[in-house]
């Protein structure tokens, strides 16, 4: 918490990045807490614990979808 405007922007970009997995974000939240993420997305206390799940599904939904292998059968 108490981040500058630039730090808030970078934290938002970090959460929205397609290269960062939801598991990595959850690991960081376990280590450092969710307060800065909530502040970066203008979620004020008291916030629901599910706000992080909402953000992860919104910005990292492709990690939650079933993906099938792309194979081609050649005769």
PDB file of N, CA and C in Angstrom:
ATOM      1  N   UNK A   1       0.845  -1.179   0.000  1.00  0.00           N
ATOM      2  CA  UNK A   1       0.000   0.000   0.000  1.00  0.00           C
ATOM      3  C   UNK A   1       0.888   1.239   0.000  1.00  0.00           C
ATOM      4  N   UNK A   2       0.288   2.377  -0.292  1.00  0.00           N
ATOM      5  CA  UNK A   2       1.052   3.613  -0.341  1.00  0.00           C
ATOM      6  C   UNK A   2       1.939   3.698  -1.565  1.00  0.00           C
ATOM      7  N   UNK A   3       1.496   3.084  -2.662  1.00  0.00           N
ATOM      8  CA  UNK A   3       2.298   3.091  -3.877  1.00  0.00           C
ATOM      9  C   UNK A   3       2.086   4.381  -4.658  1.00  0.00           C
ATOM     10  N   UNK A   4       3.085   4.738  -5.444  1.00  0.00           N
ATOM     11  CA  UNK A   4       2.944   5.910  -6.312  1.00  0.00           C
ATOM     12  C   UNK A   4       2.033   5.554  -7.486  1.00  0.00           C
ATOM     13  N   UNK A   5       1.680   6.551  -8.267  1.00  0.00           N
ATOM     14  CA  UNK A   5       0.821   6.334  -9.424  1.00  0.00           C
ATOM     15  C   UNK A   5       1.490   5.406 -10.444  1.00  0.00           C
ATOM     16  N   UNK A   6       2.782   5.583 -10.638  1.00  0.00           N
ATOM     17  CA  UNK A   6       3.522   4.714 -11.560  1.00  0.00           C
ATOM     18  C   UNK A   6       3.559   3.275 -11.059  1.00  0.00           C
ATOM     19  N   UNK A   7       3.748   3.098  -9.756  1.00  0.00           N
ATOM     20  CA  UNK A   7       3.772   1.749  -9.188  1.00  0.00           C
ATOM     21  C   UNK A   7       2.406   1.085  -9.287  1.00  0.00           C
ATOM     22  N   UNK A   8       1.342   1.856  -9.087  1.00  0.00           N
ATOM     23  CA  UNK A   8      -0.013   1.313  -9.278  1.00  0.00           C
ATOM     24  C   UNK A   8      -0.200   0.844 -10.712  1.00  0.00           C
ATOM     25  N   UNK A   9       0.261   1.647 -11.673  1.00  0.00           N
ATOM     26  CA  UNK A   9       0.133   1.292 -13.080  1.00  0.00           C
ATOM     27  C   UNK A   9       0.903   0.008 -13.387  1.00  0.00           C
ATOM     28  N   UNK A  10       2.124  -0.102 -12.861  1.00  0.00           N
ATOM     29  CA  UNK A  10       2.930  -1.304 -13.099  1.00  0.00           C
ATOM     30  C   UNK A  10       2.303  -2.541 -12.463  1.00  0.00           C
ATOM     31  N   UNK A  11       1.698  -2.373 -11.312  1.00  0.00           N
ATOM     32  CA  UNK A  11       1.026  -3.498 -10.665  1.00  0.00           C
ATOM     33  C   UNK A  11      -0.196  -3.940 -11.469  1.00  0.00           C
ATOM     34  N   UNK A  12      -0.933  -2.988 -12.024  1.00  0.00           N
ATOM     35  CA  UNK A  12      -2.058  -3.332 -12.891  1.00  0.00           C
ATOM     36  C   UNK A  12      -1.568  -4.069 -14.129  1.00  0.00           C
ATOM     37  N   UNK A  13      -0.490  -3.589 -14.735  1.00  0.00           N
ATOM     38  CA  UNK A  13       0.077  -4.261 -15.909  1.00  0.00           C
ATOM     39  C   UNK A  13       0.553  -5.665 -15.568  1.00  0.00           C
ATOM     40  N   UNK A  14       1.099  -5.846 -14.392  1.00  0.00           N
ATOM     41  CA  UNK A  14       1.549  -7.158 -13.940  1.00  0.00           C
ATOM     42  C   UNK A  14       0.369  -8.125 -13.857  1.00  0.00           C
ATOM     43  N   UNK A  15      -0.728  -7.691 -13.267  1.00  0.00           N
ATOM     44  CA  UNK A  15      -1.910  -8.552 -13.136  1.00  0.00           C
ATOM     45  C   UNK A  15      -2.518  -8.823 -14.506  1.00  0.00           C
ATOM     46  N   UNK A  16      -2.515  -7.859 -15.398  1.00  0.00           N
ATOM     47  CA  UNK A  16      -3.138  -8.018 -16.705  1.00  0.00           C
ATOM     48  C   UNK A  16      -2.253  -8.751 -17.709  1.00  0.00           C
ATOM     49  N   UNK A  17      -1.002  -8.959 -17.399  1.00  0.00           N
ATOM     50  CA  UNK A  17      -0.072  -9.602 -18.327  1.00  0.00           C
ATOM     51  C   UNK A  17      -0.476 -11.049 -18.599  1.00  0.00           C
ATOM     52  N   UNK A  18      -0.450 -11.429 -19.865  1.00  0.00           N
ATOM     53  CA  UNK A  18      -0.795 -12.797 -20.243  1.00  0.00           C
ATOM     54  C   UNK A  18       0.330 -13.774 -19.920  1.00  0.00           C
ATOM     55  N   UNK A  19       1.516 -13.274 -19.668  1.00  0.00           N
ATOM     56  CA  UNK A  19       2.660 -14.142 -19.399  1.00  0.00           C
ATOM     57  C   UNK A  19       2.731 -14.598 -17.951  1.00  0.00           C
ATOM     58  N   UNK A  20       2.040 -13.917 -17.050  1.00  0.00           N
ATOM     59  CA  UNK A  20       2.092 -14.234 -15.631  1.00  0.00           C
ATOM     60  C   UNK A  20       0.916 -15.146 -15.295  1.00  0.00           C
ATOM     61  N   UNK A  21       1.187 -16.285 -14.682  1.00  0.00           N
ATOM     62  CA  UNK A  21       0.130 -17.244 -14.373  1.00  0.00           C
ATOM     63  C   UNK A  21      -0.623 -16.853 -13.100  1.00  0.00           C
ATOM     64  N   UNK A  22      -1.882 -17.290 -12.981  1.00  0.00           N
ATOM     65  CA  UNK A  22      -2.634 -17.022 -11.758  1.00  0.00           C
ATOM     66  C   UNK A  22      -1.976 -17.638 -10.521  1.00  0.00           C
ATOM     67  N   UNK A  23      -1.337 -18.784 -10.681  1.00  0.00           N
ATOM     68  CA  UNK A  23      -0.674 -19.426  -9.552  1.00  0.00           C
ATOM     69  C   UNK A  23       0.473 -18.567  -9.027  1.00  0.00           C
ATOM     70  N   UNK A  24       1.191 -17.913  -9.928  1.00  0.00           N
ATOM     71  CA  UNK A  24       2.286 -17.039  -9.501  1.00  0.00           C
ATOM     72  C   UNK A  24       1.738 -15.833  -8.745  1.00  0.00           C
ATOM     73  N   UNK A  25       0.647 -15.265  -9.240  1.00  0.00           N
ATOM     74  CA  UNK A  25       0.031 -14.122  -8.551  1.00  0.00           C
ATOM     75  C   UNK A  25      -0.437 -14.548  -7.164  1.00  0.00           C
ATOM     76  N   UNK A  26      -1.079 -15.711  -7.065  1.00  0.00           N
ATOM     77  CA  UNK A  26      -1.550 -16.186  -5.764  1.00  0.00           C
ATOM     78  C   UNK A  26      -0.391 -16.443  -4.807  1.00  0.00           C
ATOM     79  N   UNK A  27       0.715 -16.923  -5.333  1.00  0.00           N
ATOM     80  CA  UNK A  27       1.896 -17.135  -4.493  1.00  0.00           C
ATOM     81  C   UNK A  27       2.414 -15.812  -3.936  1.00  0.00           C
ATOM     82  N   UNK A  28       2.468 -14.793  -4.784  1.00  0.00           N
ATOM     83  CA  UNK A  28       2.909 -13.481  -4.313  1.00  0.00           C
ATOM     84  C   UNK A  28       1.951 -12.906  -3.278  1.00  0.00           C
ATOM     85  N   UNK A  29       0.654 -13.130  -3.484  1.00  0.00           N
ATOM     86  CA  UNK A  29      -0.339 -12.635  -2.523  1.00  0.00           C
ATOM     87  C   UNK A  29      -0.177 -13.349  -1.182  1.00  0.00           C
ATOM     88  N   UNK A  30       0.118 -14.643  -1.210  1.00  0.00           N
ATOM     89  CA  UNK A  30       0.346 -15.371   0.046  1.00  0.00           C
ATOM     90  C   UNK A  30       1.559 -14.814   0.792  1.00  0.00           C
ATOM     91  N   UNK A  31       2.590 -14.440   0.044  1.00  0.00           N
ATOM     92  CA  UNK A  31       3.814 -13.937   0.675  1.00  0.00           C
ATOM     93  C   UNK A  31       3.705 -12.486   1.130  1.00  0.00           C
ATOM     94  N   UNK A  32       3.048 -11.636   0.309  1.00  0.00           N
ATOM     95  CA  UNK A  32       3.081 -10.198   0.574  1.00  0.00           C
ATOM     96  C   UNK A  32       1.722  -9.579   0.886  1.00  0.00           C
ATOM     97  N   UNK A  33       0.647 -10.330   0.698  1.00  0.00           N
ATOM     98  CA  UNK A  33      -0.683  -9.810   0.997  1.00  0.00           C
ATOM     99  C   UNK A  33      -1.342  -9.155  -0.211  1.00  0.00           C
ATOM    100  N   UNK A  34      -2.670  -9.022  -0.172  1.00  0.00           N
ATOM    101  CA  UNK A  34      -3.424  -8.504  -1.314  1.00  0.00           C
ATOM    102  C   UNK A  34      -3.666  -6.993  -1.295  1.00  0.00           C
ATOM    103  N   UNK A  35      -3.187  -6.296  -0.294  1.00  0.00           N
ATOM    104  CA  UNK A  35      -3.545  -4.893  -0.116  1.00  0.00           C
ATOM    105  C   UNK A  35      -3.133  -4.013  -1.293  1.00  0.00           C
ATOM    106  N   UNK A  36      -1.922  -4.177  -1.797  1.00  0.00           N
ATOM    107  CA  UNK A  36      -1.449  -3.333  -2.894  1.00  0.00           C
ATOM    108  C   UNK A  36      -2.219  -3.600  -4.180  1.00  0.00           C
ATOM    109  N   UNK A  37      -2.556  -4.861  -4.436  1.00  0.00           N
ATOM    110  CA  UNK A  37      -3.343  -5.185  -5.623  1.00  0.00           C
ATOM    111  C   UNK A  37      -4.723  -4.556  -5.520  1.00  0.00           C
ATOM    112  N   UNK A  38      -5.331  -4.661  -4.348  1.00  0.00           N
ATOM    113  CA  UNK A  38      -6.651  -4.059  -4.152  1.00  0.00           C
ATOM    114  C   UNK A  38      -6.581  -2.545  -4.349  1.00  0.00           C
ATOM    115  N   UNK A  39      -5.559  -1.910  -3.829  1.00  0.00           N
ATOM    116  CA  UNK A  39      -5.419  -0.459  -3.969  1.00  0.00           C
ATOM    117  C   UNK A  39      -5.178  -0.071  -5.426  1.00  0.00           C
ATOM    118  N   UNK A  40      -4.402  -0.876  -6.167  1.00  0.00           N
ATOM    119  CA  UNK A  40      -4.117  -0.564  -7.569  1.00  0.00           C
ATOM    120  C   UNK A  40      -5.369  -0.625  -8.430  1.00  0.00           C
ATOM    121  N   UNK A  41      -6.308  -1.484  -8.070  1.00  0.00           N
ATOM    122  CA  UNK A  41      -7.556  -1.604  -8.821  1.00  0.00           C
ATOM    123  C   UNK A  41      -8.711  -0.850  -8.155  1.00  0.00           C
ATOM    124  N   UNK A  42      -8.351   0.065  -7.235  1.00  0.00           N
ATOM    125  CA  UNK A  42      -9.317   0.944  -6.556  1.00  0.00           C
ATOM    126  C   UNK A  42     -10.375   0.172  -5.781  1.00  0.00           C
ATOM    127  N   UNK A  43      -9.984  -0.946  -5.208  1.00  0.00           N
ATOM    128  CA  UNK A  43     -10.866  -1.723  -4.333  1.00  0.00           C
ATOM    129  C   UNK A  43     -10.498  -1.339  -2.913  1.00  0.00           C
ATOM    130  N   UNK A  44     -11.439  -0.732  -2.237  1.00  0.00           N
ATOM    131  CA  UNK A  44     -11.177  -0.200  -0.904  1.00  0.00           C
ATOM    132  C   UNK A  44     -11.609  -1.169   0.184  1.00  0.00           C
ATOM    133  N   UNK A  45     -10.897  -1.179   1.318  1.00  0.00           N
ATOM    134  CA  UNK A  45     -11.299  -2.045   2.422  1.00  0.00           C
ATOM    135  C   UNK A  45     -12.618  -1.575   3.015  1.00  0.00           C
ATOM    136  N   UNK A  46     -13.407  -2.412   3.571  1.00  0.00           N
ATOM    137  CA  UNK A  46     -13.226  -3.867   3.619  1.00  0.00           C
ATOM    138  C   UNK A  46     -13.593  -4.475   2.276  1.00  0.00           C
ATOM    139  N   UNK A  47     -12.724  -5.302   1.730  1.00  0.00           N
ATOM    140  CA  UNK A  47     -12.994  -5.918   0.449  1.00  0.00           C
ATOM    141  C   UNK A  47     -13.260  -7.404   0.634  1.00  0.00           C
ATOM    142  N   UNK A  48     -14.009  -7.922  -0.307  1.00  0.00           N
ATOM    143  CA  UNK A  48     -14.326  -9.348  -0.285  1.00  0.00           C
ATOM    144  C   UNK A  48     -13.064 -10.143  -0.612  1.00  0.00           C
ATOM    145  N   UNK A  49     -12.884 -11.281   0.027  1.00  0.00           N
ATOM    146  CA  UNK A  49     -11.719 -12.105  -0.304  1.00  0.00           C
ATOM    147  C   UNK A  49     -11.735 -12.612  -1.743  1.00  0.00           C
ATOM    148  N   UNK A  50     -12.905 -12.631  -2.353  1.00  0.00           N
ATOM    149  CA  UNK A  50     -13.020 -13.153  -3.720  1.00  0.00           C
ATOM    150  C   UNK A  50     -12.621 -12.123  -4.785  1.00  0.00           C
ATOM    151  N   UNK A  51     -12.219 -10.914  -4.385  1.00  0.00           N
ATOM    152  CA  UNK A  51     -11.861  -9.913  -5.395  1.00  0.00           C
ATOM    153  C   UNK A  51     -10.669 -10.380  -6.226  1.00  0.00           C
ATOM    154  N   UNK A  52      -9.745 -11.108  -5.616  1.00  0.00           N
ATOM    155  CA  UNK A  52      -8.586 -11.589  -6.359  1.00  0.00           C
ATOM    156  C   UNK A  52      -9.001 -12.639  -7.387  1.00  0.00           C
ATOM    157  N   UNK A  53      -9.910 -13.527  -7.017  1.00  0.00           N
ATOM    158  CA  UNK A  53     -10.417 -14.514  -7.975  1.00  0.00           C
ATOM    159  C   UNK A  53     -11.085 -13.823  -9.156  1.00  0.00           C
ATOM    160  N   UNK A  54     -11.846 -12.780  -8.880  1.00  0.00           N
ATOM    161  CA  UNK A  54     -12.498 -12.030  -9.952  1.00  0.00           C
ATOM    162  C   UNK A  54     -11.463 -11.442 -10.904  1.00  0.00           C
ATOM    163  N   UNK A  55     -10.440 -10.798 -10.355  1.00  0.00           N
ATOM    164  CA  UNK A  55      -9.404 -10.194 -11.204  1.00  0.00           C
ATOM    165  C   UNK A  55      -8.659 -11.253 -12.012  1.00  0.00           C
ATOM    166  N   UNK A  56      -8.345 -12.371 -11.384  1.00  0.00           N
ATOM    167  CA  UNK A  56      -7.615 -13.413 -12.092  1.00  0.00           C
ATOM    168  C   UNK A  56      -8.445 -14.016 -13.218  1.00  0.00           C
ATOM    169  N   UNK A  57      -9.724 -14.254 -12.974  1.00  0.00           N
ATOM    170  CA  UNK A  57     -10.569 -14.796 -14.034  1.00  0.00           C
ATOM    171  C   UNK A  57     -10.795 -13.763 -15.140  1.00  0.00           C
ATOM    172  N   UNK A  58     -10.848 -12.509 -14.776  1.00  0.00           N
ATOM    173  CA  UNK A  58     -11.064 -11.480 -15.785  1.00  0.00           C
ATOM    174  C   UNK A  58      -9.853 -11.302 -16.693  1.00  0.00           C
ATOM    175  N   UNK A  59      -8.673 -11.224 -16.108  1.00  0.00           N
ATOM    176  CA  UNK A  59      -7.482 -10.918 -16.889  1.00  0.00           C
ATOM    177  C   UNK A  59      -6.659 -12.146 -17.275  1.00  0.00           C
ATOM    178  N   UNK A  60      -6.915 -13.264 -16.642  1.00  0.00           N
ATOM    179  CA  UNK A  60      -6.147 -14.471 -16.924  1.00  0.00           C
ATOM    180  C   UNK A  60      -7.060 -15.657 -17.204  1.00  0.00           C
ATOM    181  N   UNK A  61      -8.200 -15.390 -17.812  1.00  0.00           N
ATOM    182  CA  UNK A  61      -9.191 -16.428 -18.083  1.00  0.00           C
ATOM    183  C   UNK A  61      -8.671 -17.541 -18.964  1.00  0.00           C
ATOM    184  N   UNK A  62      -7.722 -17.239 -19.844  1.00  0.00           N
ATOM    185  CA  UNK A  62      -7.206 -18.277 -20.734  1.00  0.00           C
ATOM    186  C   UNK A  62      -6.489 -19.385 -19.961  1.00  0.00           C
ATOM    187  N   UNK A  63      -6.017 -19.121 -18.749  1.00  0.00           N
ATOM    188  CA  UNK A  63      -5.389 -20.156 -17.936  1.00  0.00           C
ATOM    189  C   UNK A  63      -6.427 -21.128 -17.370  1.00  0.00           C
ATOM    190  N   UNK A  64      -7.698 -20.709 -17.279  1.00  0.00           N
ATOM    191  CA  UNK A  64      -8.740 -21.524 -16.673  1.00  0.00           C
ATOM    192  C   UNK A  64      -9.529 -22.339 -17.692  1.00  0.00           C
ATOM    193  N   UNK A  65      -9.360 -22.050 -18.966  1.00  0.00           N
ATOM    194  CA  UNK A  65     -10.111 -22.764 -19.996  1.00  0.00           C
ATOM    195  C   UNK A  65      -9.450 -24.093 -20.312  1.00  0.00           C
ATOM    196  N   UNK A  66     -10.291 -25.055 -20.710  1.00  0.00           N
ATOM    197  CA  UNK A  66      -9.772 -26.343 -21.130  1.00  0.00           C
ATOM    198  C   UNK A  66      -9.057 -26.172 -22.459  1.00  0.00           C
ATOM    199  N   UNK A  67      -7.834 -26.641 -22.503  1.00  0.00           N
ATOM    200  CA  UNK A  67      -7.066 -26.559 -23.736  1.00  0.00           C
ATOM    201  C   UNK A  67      -6.773 -27.974 -24.214  1.00  0.00           C
ATOM    202  N   UNK A  68      -7.068 -28.203 -25.455  1.00  0.00           N
ATOM    203  CA  UNK A  68      -6.815 -29.500 -26.046  1.00  0.00           C
ATOM    204  C   UNK A  68      -5.538 -29.429 -26.871  1.00  0.00           C
ATOM    205  N   UNK A  69      -4.828 -30.534 -26.938  1.00  0.00           N
ATOM    206  CA  UNK A  69      -3.590 -30.523 -27.735  1.00  0.00           C
ATOM    207  C   UNK A  69      -3.886 -30.296 -29.209  1.00  0.00           C
ATOM    208  N   UNK A  70      -3.022 -29.596 -29.862  1.00  0.00           N
ATOM    209  CA  UNK A  70      -3.186 -29.354 -31.283  1.00  0.00           C
ATOM    210  C   UNK A  70      -2.325 -30.362 -32.035  1.00  0.00           C
ATOM    211  N   UNK A  71      -2.979 -31.406 -32.491  1.00  0.00           N
ATOM    212  CA  UNK A  71      -2.286 -32.427 -33.266  1.00  0.00           C
ATOM    213  C   UNK A  71      -3.018 -32.634 -34.576  1.00  0.00           C
ATOM    214  N   UNK A  72      -2.284 -33.029 -35.567  1.00  0.00           N
ATOM    215  CA  UNK A  72      -2.863 -33.297 -36.880  1.00  0.00           C
ATOM    216  C   UNK A  72      -2.549 -34.744 -37.262  1.00  0.00           C
ATOM    217  N   UNK A  73      -3.572 -35.457 -37.672  1.00  0.00           N
ATOM    218  CA  UNK A  73      -3.382 -36.838 -38.106  1.00  0.00           C
ATOM    219  C   UNK A  73      -3.006 -36.823 -39.575  1.00  0.00           C
ATOM    220  N   UNK A  74      -1.901 -37.441 -39.911  1.00  0.00           N
ATOM    221  CA  UNK A  74      -1.431 -37.481 -41.289  1.00  0.00           C
ATOM    222  C   UNK A  74      -1.471 -38.937 -41.752  1.00  0.00           C
ATOM    223  N   UNK A  75      -2.081 -39.129 -42.899  1.00  0.00           N
ATOM    224  CA  UNK A  75      -2.136 -40.503 -43.470  1.00  0.00           C
ATOM    225  C   UNK A  75      -0.922 -40.800 -44.280  1.00  0.00           C
TER     226      UNK A  75
END
